[in-house]
Amino acid sequence: MRPIPVLDTGRLRLRERTVEDAEALFPSYADVEAMTYWSHAPHTSVEQTRARIAEPPGEWRAWAITLAGDDRAIGFVAVGEKRPGVSEIGYMVARAHWGSGIAREAVSAVLDQLLRVEGQRRVFADTDPENVASNGLLKALGFTLEGRLREEWETHLGVRDTFLWGLLASEWNAR
């Protein structure tokens, strides 16, 4: 697994997500609306959140999103390097910060790290077709909708389709 450097944007600081962030992140993991399009149901205890964060990372690494000057996690950006030079990205931001541009700023910082600093060639994301906010964010960041995978995910909502979004380093660097 690659290192998880601290990323500062001015307004935000992204640092390694740790088990100590479970208390701060539990309200988001327990938020029924926020968890609608996740593959698992909302958490019912902070212990579930702690266990989720403590799972062996495999190819995944995760940055906690914090406001500059306040170390309390308000969300996270997770990245899994699926093969050399190609990573999947996912994210969550606490409801109190929806619509504030924090997700865009945090995901942009991680994309810079992946595509400019680390030299990866491609980042992709998959989203539920009905997740308007996430699909809008990916489009705004320059991702291309590459396809729809039918009946791809078994979720707490049942079997769901997913949109597959992709962004190439050449596209990100041309911005």
N, C-alpha and C. Protein backbone atom coordinates (compact mmCIF):
# COMPACT_ATOMS: atom_id res chain seq x y z
N MET A 1 0.85 -1.18 0.00
CA MET A 1 0.00 0.00 0.00
C MET A 1 0.89 1.24 0.00
N ARG A 2 0.48 2.23 -0.78
CA ARG A 2 1.22 3.49 -0.84
C ARG A 2 0.99 4.29 0.45
N PRO A 3 1.88 5.26 0.72
CA PRO A 3 1.68 6.09 1.91
C PRO A 3 0.46 7.00 1.77
N ILE A 4 0.03 7.54 2.90
CA ILE A 4 -1.11 8.46 2.94
C ILE A 4 -0.58 9.82 3.42
N PRO A 5 -0.11 10.65 2.49
CA PRO A 5 0.44 11.94 2.91
C PRO A 5 -0.66 12.89 3.36
N VAL A 6 -0.30 13.83 4.22
CA VAL A 6 -1.23 14.89 4.60
C VAL A 6 -1.39 15.82 3.40
N LEU A 7 -2.64 16.17 3.09
CA LEU A 7 -2.95 17.07 1.97
C LEU A 7 -3.66 18.29 2.54
N ASP A 8 -3.11 19.48 2.30
CA ASP A 8 -3.72 20.72 2.76
C ASP A 8 -4.25 21.50 1.57
N THR A 9 -5.49 22.01 1.69
CA THR A 9 -6.07 22.81 0.62
C THR A 9 -6.26 24.27 1.01
N GLY A 10 -5.94 24.61 2.21
CA GLY A 10 -6.23 25.94 2.74
C GLY A 10 -7.40 25.84 3.70
N ARG A 11 -8.55 25.46 3.19
CA ARG A 11 -9.74 25.28 4.03
C ARG A 11 -9.77 23.92 4.71
N LEU A 12 -9.17 22.92 4.07
CA LEU A 12 -9.24 21.54 4.56
C LEU A 12 -7.86 20.97 4.81
N ARG A 13 -7.83 19.99 5.68
CA ARG A 13 -6.65 19.15 5.86
C ARG A 13 -7.14 17.71 5.73
N LEU A 14 -6.50 16.96 4.84
CA LEU A 14 -6.80 15.54 4.69
C LEU A 14 -5.62 14.77 5.27
N ARG A 15 -5.92 13.88 6.19
CA ARG A 15 -4.90 13.08 6.86
C ARG A 15 -5.38 11.65 6.91
N GLU A 16 -4.52 10.75 7.31
CA GLU A 16 -4.90 9.34 7.37
C GLU A 16 -6.11 9.14 8.29
N ARG A 17 -7.11 8.42 7.79
CA ARG A 17 -8.26 8.07 8.62
C ARG A 17 -7.84 6.94 9.56
N THR A 18 -8.23 7.07 10.83
CA THR A 18 -7.87 6.07 11.84
C THR A 18 -9.11 5.62 12.60
N VAL A 19 -8.95 4.57 13.37
CA VAL A 19 -10.05 4.05 14.20
C VAL A 19 -10.55 5.14 15.16
N GLU A 20 -9.66 6.04 15.56
CA GLU A 20 -10.06 7.13 16.46
C GLU A 20 -11.09 8.06 15.81
N ASP A 21 -11.25 8.00 14.49
CA ASP A 21 -12.25 8.82 13.79
C ASP A 21 -13.65 8.23 13.85
N ALA A 22 -13.80 7.04 14.40
CA ALA A 22 -15.10 6.35 14.39
C ALA A 22 -16.20 7.18 15.05
N GLU A 23 -15.94 7.77 16.19
CA GLU A 23 -16.96 8.56 16.89
C GLU A 23 -17.45 9.71 16.01
N ALA A 24 -16.53 10.39 15.35
CA ALA A 24 -16.89 11.53 14.51
C ALA A 24 -17.61 11.09 13.24
N LEU A 25 -17.25 9.95 12.69
CA LEU A 25 -17.84 9.49 11.42
C LEU A 25 -19.12 8.68 11.61
N PHE A 26 -19.35 8.15 12.81
CA PHE A 26 -20.54 7.34 13.03
C PHE A 26 -21.83 8.03 12.63
N PRO A 27 -22.07 9.31 12.97
CA PRO A 27 -23.34 9.93 12.55
C PRO A 27 -23.57 9.86 11.04
N SER A 28 -22.52 9.96 10.25
CA SER A 28 -22.67 9.85 8.79
C SER A 28 -22.97 8.42 8.38
N TYR A 29 -22.26 7.46 8.96
CA TYR A 29 -22.52 6.05 8.65
C TYR A 29 -23.90 5.61 9.13
N ALA A 30 -24.46 6.31 10.11
CA ALA A 30 -25.79 5.97 10.64
C ALA A 30 -26.90 6.74 9.94
N ASP A 31 -26.56 7.71 9.12
CA ASP A 31 -27.53 8.58 8.46
C ASP A 31 -28.20 7.81 7.32
N VAL A 32 -29.48 7.55 7.47
CA VAL A 32 -30.21 6.74 6.49
C VAL A 32 -30.14 7.34 5.09
N GLU A 33 -30.32 8.65 4.98
CA GLU A 33 -30.27 9.29 3.66
C GLU A 33 -28.86 9.24 3.08
N ALA A 34 -27.86 9.52 3.90
CA ALA A 34 -26.48 9.51 3.43
C ALA A 34 -26.06 8.12 2.96
N MET A 35 -26.60 7.09 3.59
CA MET A 35 -26.21 5.72 3.28
C MET A 35 -27.11 5.06 2.23
N THR A 36 -28.06 5.79 1.69
CA THR A 36 -29.01 5.21 0.74
C THR A 36 -28.32 4.42 -0.37
N TYR A 37 -27.27 4.96 -0.95
CA TYR A 37 -26.66 4.35 -2.13
C TYR A 37 -25.40 3.55 -1.82
N TRP A 38 -25.13 3.31 -0.56
CA TRP A 38 -23.98 2.49 -0.19
C TRP A 38 -24.37 1.01 -0.30
N SER A 39 -23.36 0.16 -0.41
CA SER A 39 -23.63 -1.27 -0.57
C SER A 39 -24.07 -1.92 0.73
N HIS A 40 -23.87 -1.26 1.85
CA HIS A 40 -24.30 -1.82 3.14
C HIS A 40 -25.27 -0.87 3.83
N ALA A 41 -26.04 -1.41 4.74
CA ALA A 41 -27.06 -0.63 5.45
C ALA A 41 -26.40 0.36 6.41
N PRO A 42 -27.15 1.38 6.84
CA PRO A 42 -26.61 2.32 7.83
C PRO A 42 -26.16 1.58 9.10
N HIS A 43 -25.14 2.13 9.72
CA HIS A 43 -24.65 1.54 10.97
C HIS A 43 -25.61 1.86 12.11
N THR A 44 -25.67 0.96 13.06
CA THR A 44 -26.54 1.15 14.23
C THR A 44 -25.74 1.36 15.51
N SER A 45 -24.42 1.28 15.42
CA SER A 45 -23.59 1.52 16.60
C SER A 45 -22.22 2.03 16.17
N VAL A 46 -21.60 2.78 17.05
CA VAL A 46 -20.25 3.27 16.77
C VAL A 46 -19.28 2.10 16.66
N GLU A 47 -19.60 0.98 17.30
CA GLU A 47 -18.74 -0.21 17.19
C GLU A 47 -18.70 -0.72 15.75
N GLN A 48 -19.83 -0.64 15.04
CA GLN A 48 -19.85 -1.03 13.62
C GLN A 48 -18.92 -0.13 12.82
N THR A 49 -18.99 1.16 13.08
CA THR A 49 -18.14 2.10 12.37
C THR A 49 -16.67 1.84 12.69
N ARG A 50 -16.38 1.62 13.95
CA ARG A 50 -15.01 1.33 14.37
C ARG A 50 -14.51 0.06 13.66
N ALA A 51 -15.34 -0.97 13.60
CA ALA A 51 -14.94 -2.22 12.94
C ALA A 51 -14.72 -2.00 11.45
N ARG A 52 -15.56 -1.19 10.82
CA ARG A 52 -15.42 -0.91 9.39
C ARG A 52 -14.08 -0.22 9.11
N ILE A 53 -13.76 0.78 9.93
CA ILE A 53 -12.51 1.51 9.74
C ILE A 53 -11.31 0.62 10.04
N ALA A 54 -11.46 -0.29 10.99
CA ALA A 54 -10.35 -1.16 11.42
C ALA A 54 -10.10 -2.33 10.48
N GLU A 55 -11.00 -2.57 9.50
CA GLU A 55 -10.81 -3.70 8.58
C GLU A 55 -9.45 -3.59 7.91
N PRO A 56 -8.78 -4.71 7.68
CA PRO A 56 -7.50 -4.65 6.97
C PRO A 56 -7.68 -3.92 5.64
N PRO A 57 -6.81 -2.96 5.34
CA PRO A 57 -7.04 -2.09 4.19
C PRO A 57 -6.84 -2.75 2.83
N GLY A 58 -6.08 -3.83 2.74
CA GLY A 58 -5.82 -4.41 1.43
C GLY A 58 -5.19 -3.35 0.55
N GLU A 59 -5.76 -3.11 -0.62
CA GLU A 59 -5.22 -2.10 -1.53
C GLU A 59 -5.79 -0.71 -1.24
N TRP A 60 -6.66 -0.60 -0.23
CA TRP A 60 -7.33 0.67 0.07
C TRP A 60 -6.55 1.52 1.06
N ARG A 61 -6.62 2.81 0.86
CA ARG A 61 -6.13 3.79 1.83
C ARG A 61 -7.19 4.88 1.93
N ALA A 62 -7.27 5.53 3.07
CA ALA A 62 -8.34 6.51 3.28
C ALA A 62 -7.82 7.75 4.00
N TRP A 63 -8.23 8.89 3.48
CA TRP A 63 -7.94 10.17 4.09
C TRP A 63 -9.18 10.64 4.85
N ALA A 64 -9.00 11.06 6.09
CA ALA A 64 -10.06 11.74 6.83
C ALA A 64 -10.08 13.18 6.35
N ILE A 65 -11.27 13.72 6.12
CA ILE A 65 -11.42 15.13 5.77
C ILE A 65 -11.64 15.89 7.06
N THR A 66 -10.81 16.90 7.31
CA THR A 66 -10.98 17.76 8.48
C THR A 66 -10.93 19.21 8.04
N LEU A 67 -11.56 20.08 8.80
CA LEU A 67 -11.43 21.50 8.55
C LEU A 67 -10.06 21.94 9.07
N ALA A 68 -9.40 22.84 8.37
CA ALA A 68 -8.09 23.33 8.81
C ALA A 68 -8.22 23.85 10.24
N GLY A 69 -7.32 23.42 11.09
CA GLY A 69 -7.33 23.86 12.48
C GLY A 69 -8.23 23.07 13.40
N ASP A 70 -8.94 22.08 12.86
CA ASP A 70 -9.84 21.24 13.67
C ASP A 70 -9.64 19.80 13.21
N ASP A 71 -9.12 18.95 14.05
CA ASP A 71 -8.76 17.59 13.64
C ASP A 71 -9.93 16.62 13.58
N ARG A 72 -11.15 17.07 13.89
CA ARG A 72 -12.32 16.18 13.89
C ARG A 72 -12.72 15.85 12.45
N ALA A 73 -12.84 14.55 12.15
CA ALA A 73 -13.20 14.10 10.80
C ALA A 73 -14.63 14.48 10.48
N ILE A 74 -14.82 15.06 9.29
CA ILE A 74 -16.17 15.41 8.80
C ILE A 74 -16.51 14.60 7.55
N GLY A 75 -15.65 13.66 7.23
CA GLY A 75 -15.85 12.81 6.07
C GLY A 75 -14.55 12.11 5.73
N PHE A 76 -14.54 11.47 4.57
CA PHE A 76 -13.31 10.81 4.13
C PHE A 76 -13.32 10.62 2.62
N VAL A 77 -12.14 10.40 2.09
CA VAL A 77 -11.94 10.00 0.70
C VAL A 77 -11.13 8.71 0.76
N ALA A 78 -11.64 7.66 0.12
CA ALA A 78 -10.95 6.36 0.11
C ALA A 78 -10.54 6.02 -1.32
N VAL A 79 -9.38 5.40 -1.44
CA VAL A 79 -8.81 5.06 -2.74
C VAL A 79 -8.29 3.63 -2.69
N GLY A 80 -8.67 2.85 -3.67
CA GLY A 80 -8.16 1.49 -3.80
C GLY A 80 -7.42 1.34 -5.12
N GLU A 81 -6.13 1.05 -5.06
CA GLU A 81 -5.37 0.85 -6.29
C GLU A 81 -5.63 -0.57 -6.78
N LYS A 82 -6.42 -0.68 -7.83
CA LYS A 82 -6.88 -1.97 -8.33
C LYS A 82 -5.82 -2.71 -9.14
N ARG A 83 -4.96 -1.96 -9.79
CA ARG A 83 -3.81 -2.49 -10.51
C ARG A 83 -2.85 -1.31 -10.66
N PRO A 84 -1.61 -1.54 -11.01
CA PRO A 84 -0.67 -0.42 -11.08
C PRO A 84 -1.19 0.71 -11.97
N GLY A 85 -1.26 1.90 -11.39
CA GLY A 85 -1.66 3.08 -12.15
C GLY A 85 -3.15 3.31 -12.28
N VAL A 86 -3.97 2.45 -11.68
CA VAL A 86 -5.43 2.56 -11.80
C VAL A 86 -6.06 2.42 -10.42
N SER A 87 -6.78 3.45 -9.99
CA SER A 87 -7.41 3.43 -8.67
C SER A 87 -8.89 3.74 -8.74
N GLU A 88 -9.61 3.14 -7.79
CA GLU A 88 -11.02 3.45 -7.56
C GLU A 88 -11.09 4.47 -6.43
N ILE A 89 -12.05 5.40 -6.51
CA ILE A 89 -12.20 6.42 -5.49
C ILE A 89 -13.64 6.44 -4.96
N GLY A 90 -13.78 6.70 -3.69
CA GLY A 90 -15.08 6.85 -3.04
C GLY A 90 -14.96 7.89 -1.94
N TYR A 91 -16.08 8.41 -1.47
CA TYR A 91 -16.03 9.51 -0.52
C TYR A 91 -17.33 9.61 0.25
N MET A 92 -17.25 10.30 1.38
CA MET A 92 -18.42 10.60 2.20
C MET A 92 -18.15 11.91 2.93
N VAL A 93 -19.17 12.76 3.01
CA VAL A 93 -19.08 14.02 3.77
C VAL A 93 -20.30 14.10 4.68
N ALA A 94 -20.07 14.55 5.91
CA ALA A 94 -21.16 14.69 6.88
C ALA A 94 -22.25 15.62 6.36
N ARG A 95 -23.48 15.29 6.66
CA ARG A 95 -24.64 16.04 6.20
C ARG A 95 -24.51 17.55 6.46
N ALA A 96 -23.98 17.93 7.61
CA ALA A 96 -23.85 19.35 7.96
C ALA A 96 -23.00 20.12 6.95
N HIS A 97 -22.23 19.40 6.14
CA HIS A 97 -21.33 20.05 5.18
C HIS A 97 -21.75 19.82 3.72
N TRP A 98 -22.92 19.21 3.51
CA TRP A 98 -23.41 19.02 2.14
C TRP A 98 -23.63 20.39 1.50
N GLY A 99 -23.32 20.48 0.23
CA GLY A 99 -23.57 21.70 -0.52
C GLY A 99 -22.55 22.80 -0.28
N SER A 100 -21.50 22.52 0.48
CA SER A 100 -20.50 23.54 0.81
C SER A 100 -19.25 23.47 -0.07
N GLY A 101 -19.20 22.51 -0.97
CA GLY A 101 -18.02 22.35 -1.83
C GLY A 101 -16.91 21.53 -1.20
N ILE A 102 -17.14 21.03 0.01
CA ILE A 102 -16.08 20.26 0.69
C ILE A 102 -15.77 18.97 -0.05
N ALA A 103 -16.77 18.26 -0.52
CA ALA A 103 -16.51 17.01 -1.25
C ALA A 103 -15.67 17.31 -2.49
N ARG A 104 -16.04 18.33 -3.23
CA ARG A 104 -15.30 18.68 -4.45
C ARG A 104 -13.85 19.03 -4.12
N GLU A 105 -13.67 19.83 -3.08
CA GLU A 105 -12.32 20.25 -2.69
C GLU A 105 -11.48 19.06 -2.22
N ALA A 106 -12.06 18.20 -1.41
CA ALA A 106 -11.32 17.05 -0.88
C ALA A 106 -10.99 16.05 -1.98
N VAL A 107 -11.97 15.72 -2.81
CA VAL A 107 -11.73 14.76 -3.89
C VAL A 107 -10.71 15.34 -4.87
N SER A 108 -10.78 16.64 -5.15
CA SER A 108 -9.79 17.27 -6.04
C SER A 108 -8.38 17.13 -5.48
N ALA A 109 -8.23 17.34 -4.18
CA ALA A 109 -6.90 17.21 -3.56
C ALA A 109 -6.37 15.79 -3.71
N VAL A 110 -7.23 14.81 -3.54
CA VAL A 110 -6.78 13.42 -3.67
C VAL A 110 -6.50 13.09 -5.14
N LEU A 111 -7.31 13.61 -6.06
CA LEU A 111 -7.03 13.40 -7.48
C LEU A 111 -5.68 13.99 -7.87
N ASP A 112 -5.36 15.18 -7.35
CA ASP A 112 -4.03 15.76 -7.60
C ASP A 112 -2.94 14.81 -7.11
N GLN A 113 -3.12 14.28 -5.91
CA GLN A 113 -2.14 13.35 -5.35
C GLN A 113 -1.97 12.12 -6.25
N LEU A 114 -3.08 11.55 -6.67
CA LEU A 114 -3.02 10.32 -7.47
C LEU A 114 -2.47 10.55 -8.86
N LEU A 115 -3.01 11.55 -9.55
CA LEU A 115 -2.73 11.72 -10.97
C LEU A 115 -1.51 12.59 -11.26
N ARG A 116 -1.23 13.55 -10.40
CA ARG A 116 -0.07 14.43 -10.64
C ARG A 116 1.15 13.98 -9.84
N VAL A 117 0.97 13.76 -8.56
CA VAL A 117 2.12 13.43 -7.70
C VAL A 117 2.56 11.97 -7.90
N GLU A 118 1.61 11.04 -7.83
CA GLU A 118 1.95 9.62 -7.92
C GLU A 118 2.07 9.13 -9.36
N GLY A 119 1.54 9.89 -10.30
CA GLY A 119 1.64 9.50 -11.70
C GLY A 119 0.73 8.37 -12.12
N GLN A 120 -0.37 8.18 -11.39
CA GLN A 120 -1.33 7.17 -11.84
C GLN A 120 -1.96 7.64 -13.16
N ARG A 121 -2.45 6.71 -13.96
CA ARG A 121 -2.98 7.07 -15.27
C ARG A 121 -4.50 7.20 -15.31
N ARG A 122 -5.19 6.57 -14.33
CA ARG A 122 -6.65 6.53 -14.40
C ARG A 122 -7.22 6.39 -12.99
N VAL A 123 -8.33 7.08 -12.76
CA VAL A 123 -9.11 6.93 -11.53
C VAL A 123 -10.54 6.67 -11.97
N PHE A 124 -11.21 5.74 -11.30
CA PHE A 124 -12.61 5.49 -11.63
C PHE A 124 -13.45 5.46 -10.37
N ALA A 125 -14.74 5.61 -10.57
CA ALA A 125 -15.71 5.54 -9.47
C ALA A 125 -16.94 4.84 -9.99
N ASP A 126 -17.65 4.17 -9.08
CA ASP A 126 -18.95 3.64 -9.46
C ASP A 126 -19.99 4.22 -8.51
N THR A 127 -21.13 4.59 -9.07
CA THR A 127 -22.19 5.22 -8.30
C THR A 127 -23.54 4.64 -8.69
N ASP A 128 -24.46 4.70 -7.77
CA ASP A 128 -25.83 4.32 -8.10
C ASP A 128 -26.37 5.35 -9.09
N PRO A 129 -27.06 4.92 -10.14
CA PRO A 129 -27.60 5.87 -11.11
C PRO A 129 -28.52 6.92 -10.49
N GLU A 130 -29.14 6.62 -9.35
CA GLU A 130 -30.05 7.57 -8.72
C GLU A 130 -29.34 8.52 -7.75
N ASN A 131 -28.05 8.37 -7.57
CA ASN A 131 -27.30 9.24 -6.66
C ASN A 131 -26.92 10.52 -7.39
N VAL A 132 -27.86 11.45 -7.43
CA VAL A 132 -27.72 12.69 -8.20
C VAL A 132 -26.50 13.49 -7.74
N ALA A 133 -26.31 13.63 -6.43
CA ALA A 133 -25.21 14.45 -5.92
C ALA A 133 -23.85 13.88 -6.32
N SER A 134 -23.65 12.61 -6.14
CA SER A 134 -22.36 12.01 -6.45
C SER A 134 -22.10 12.01 -7.95
N ASN A 135 -23.12 11.69 -8.73
CA ASN A 135 -22.95 11.72 -10.18
C ASN A 135 -22.64 13.14 -10.65
N GLY A 136 -23.28 14.13 -10.06
CA GLY A 136 -23.01 15.53 -10.41
C GLY A 136 -21.60 15.95 -10.05
N LEU A 137 -21.12 15.51 -8.89
CA LEU A 137 -19.76 15.83 -8.47
C LEU A 137 -18.74 15.25 -9.45
N LEU A 138 -18.90 13.99 -9.79
CA LEU A 138 -17.95 13.35 -10.70
C LEU A 138 -17.95 14.04 -12.06
N LYS A 139 -19.11 14.39 -12.56
CA LYS A 139 -19.19 15.10 -13.84
C LYS A 139 -18.48 16.45 -13.74
N ALA A 140 -18.73 17.18 -12.65
CA ALA A 140 -18.11 18.49 -12.46
C ALA A 140 -16.59 18.40 -12.36
N LEU A 141 -16.09 17.29 -11.85
CA LEU A 141 -14.64 17.10 -11.72
C LEU A 141 -13.99 16.63 -13.03
N GLY A 142 -14.79 16.40 -14.06
CA GLY A 142 -14.25 16.02 -15.35
C GLY A 142 -14.27 14.54 -15.65
N PHE A 143 -14.88 13.74 -14.77
CA PHE A 143 -15.02 12.31 -15.05
C PHE A 143 -15.96 12.12 -16.24
N THR A 144 -15.75 11.06 -16.99
CA THR A 144 -16.60 10.68 -18.11
C THR A 144 -17.44 9.48 -17.70
N LEU A 145 -18.74 9.55 -17.97
CA LEU A 145 -19.61 8.40 -17.73
C LEU A 145 -19.29 7.36 -18.79
N GLU A 146 -18.73 6.24 -18.37
CA GLU A 146 -18.25 5.23 -19.30
C GLU A 146 -19.23 4.09 -19.51
N GLY A 147 -20.19 3.97 -18.62
CA GLY A 147 -21.15 2.89 -18.82
C GLY A 147 -22.03 2.65 -17.62
N ARG A 148 -22.98 1.78 -17.85
CA ARG A 148 -23.90 1.35 -16.81
C ARG A 148 -23.79 -0.16 -16.70
N LEU A 149 -23.43 -0.63 -15.51
CA LEU A 149 -23.35 -2.06 -15.28
C LEU A 149 -24.67 -2.49 -14.65
N ARG A 150 -25.39 -3.35 -15.34
CA ARG A 150 -26.71 -3.75 -14.89
C ARG A 150 -26.63 -4.80 -13.80
N GLU A 151 -27.47 -4.62 -12.78
CA GLU A 151 -27.56 -5.55 -11.65
C GLU A 151 -26.17 -5.90 -11.11
N GLU A 152 -25.36 -4.89 -10.89
CA GLU A 152 -23.97 -5.07 -10.46
C GLU A 152 -23.82 -5.29 -8.96
N TRP A 153 -24.60 -4.60 -8.14
CA TRP A 153 -24.41 -4.63 -6.69
C TRP A 153 -25.58 -5.23 -5.95
N GLU A 154 -25.29 -6.10 -5.00
CA GLU A 154 -26.30 -6.55 -4.05
C GLU A 154 -26.19 -5.63 -2.84
N THR A 155 -27.24 -4.86 -2.57
CA THR A 155 -27.20 -3.87 -1.50
C THR A 155 -28.36 -4.07 -0.55
N HIS A 156 -28.40 -3.24 0.48
CA HIS A 156 -29.53 -3.27 1.41
C HIS A 156 -30.82 -2.82 0.73
N LEU A 157 -30.72 -2.23 -0.47
CA LEU A 157 -31.89 -1.84 -1.26
C LEU A 157 -32.31 -2.92 -2.24
N GLY A 158 -31.51 -3.97 -2.35
CA GLY A 158 -31.73 -5.01 -3.35
C GLY A 158 -30.63 -4.93 -4.40
N VAL A 159 -30.80 -5.63 -5.49
CA VAL A 159 -29.80 -5.64 -6.56
C VAL A 159 -29.93 -4.34 -7.35
N ARG A 160 -28.80 -3.66 -7.54
CA ARG A 160 -28.80 -2.33 -8.15
C ARG A 160 -27.83 -2.26 -9.33
N ASP A 161 -28.18 -1.41 -10.30
CA ASP A 161 -27.27 -1.05 -11.37
C ASP A 161 -26.23 -0.09 -10.79
N THR A 162 -25.14 0.12 -11.54
CA THR A 162 -24.16 1.13 -11.16
C THR A 162 -23.66 1.84 -12.40
N PHE A 163 -23.38 3.13 -12.25
CA PHE A 163 -22.70 3.89 -13.29
C PHE A 163 -21.20 3.75 -13.05
N LEU A 164 -20.45 3.63 -14.13
CA LEU A 164 -19.00 3.59 -14.05
C LEU A 164 -18.46 4.88 -14.66
N TRP A 165 -17.71 5.64 -13.85
CA TRP A 165 -17.13 6.92 -14.25
C TRP A 165 -15.61 6.76 -14.32
N GLY A 166 -14.97 7.40 -15.28
CA GLY A 166 -13.51 7.33 -15.38
C GLY A 166 -12.90 8.69 -15.66
N LEU A 167 -11.69 8.89 -15.16
CA LEU A 167 -10.92 10.12 -15.37
C LEU A 167 -9.48 9.72 -15.65
N LEU A 168 -8.94 10.22 -16.76
CA LEU A 168 -7.56 9.94 -17.12
C LEU A 168 -6.65 11.06 -16.63
N ALA A 169 -5.41 10.73 -16.36
CA ALA A 169 -4.44 11.73 -15.92
C ALA A 169 -4.33 12.85 -16.95
N SER A 170 -4.34 12.51 -18.22
CA SER A 170 -4.22 13.54 -19.26
C SER A 170 -5.39 14.52 -19.21
N GLU A 171 -6.58 14.03 -18.88
CA GLU A 171 -7.76 14.90 -18.76
C GLU A 171 -7.65 15.80 -17.52
N TRP A 172 -7.22 15.23 -16.41
CA TRP A 172 -7.09 16.01 -15.17
C TRP A 172 -6.00 17.07 -15.32
N ASN A 173 -4.88 16.68 -15.91
CA ASN A 173 -3.75 17.61 -16.04
C ASN A 173 -4.02 18.72 -17.05
N ALA A 174 -4.98 18.53 -17.95
CA ALA A 174 -5.33 19.55 -18.94
C ALA A 174 -6.25 20.62 -18.37
N ARG A 175 -6.75 20.43 -17.15
CA ARG A 175 -7.69 21.38 -16.53
C ARG A 175 -6.99 22.65 -16.13
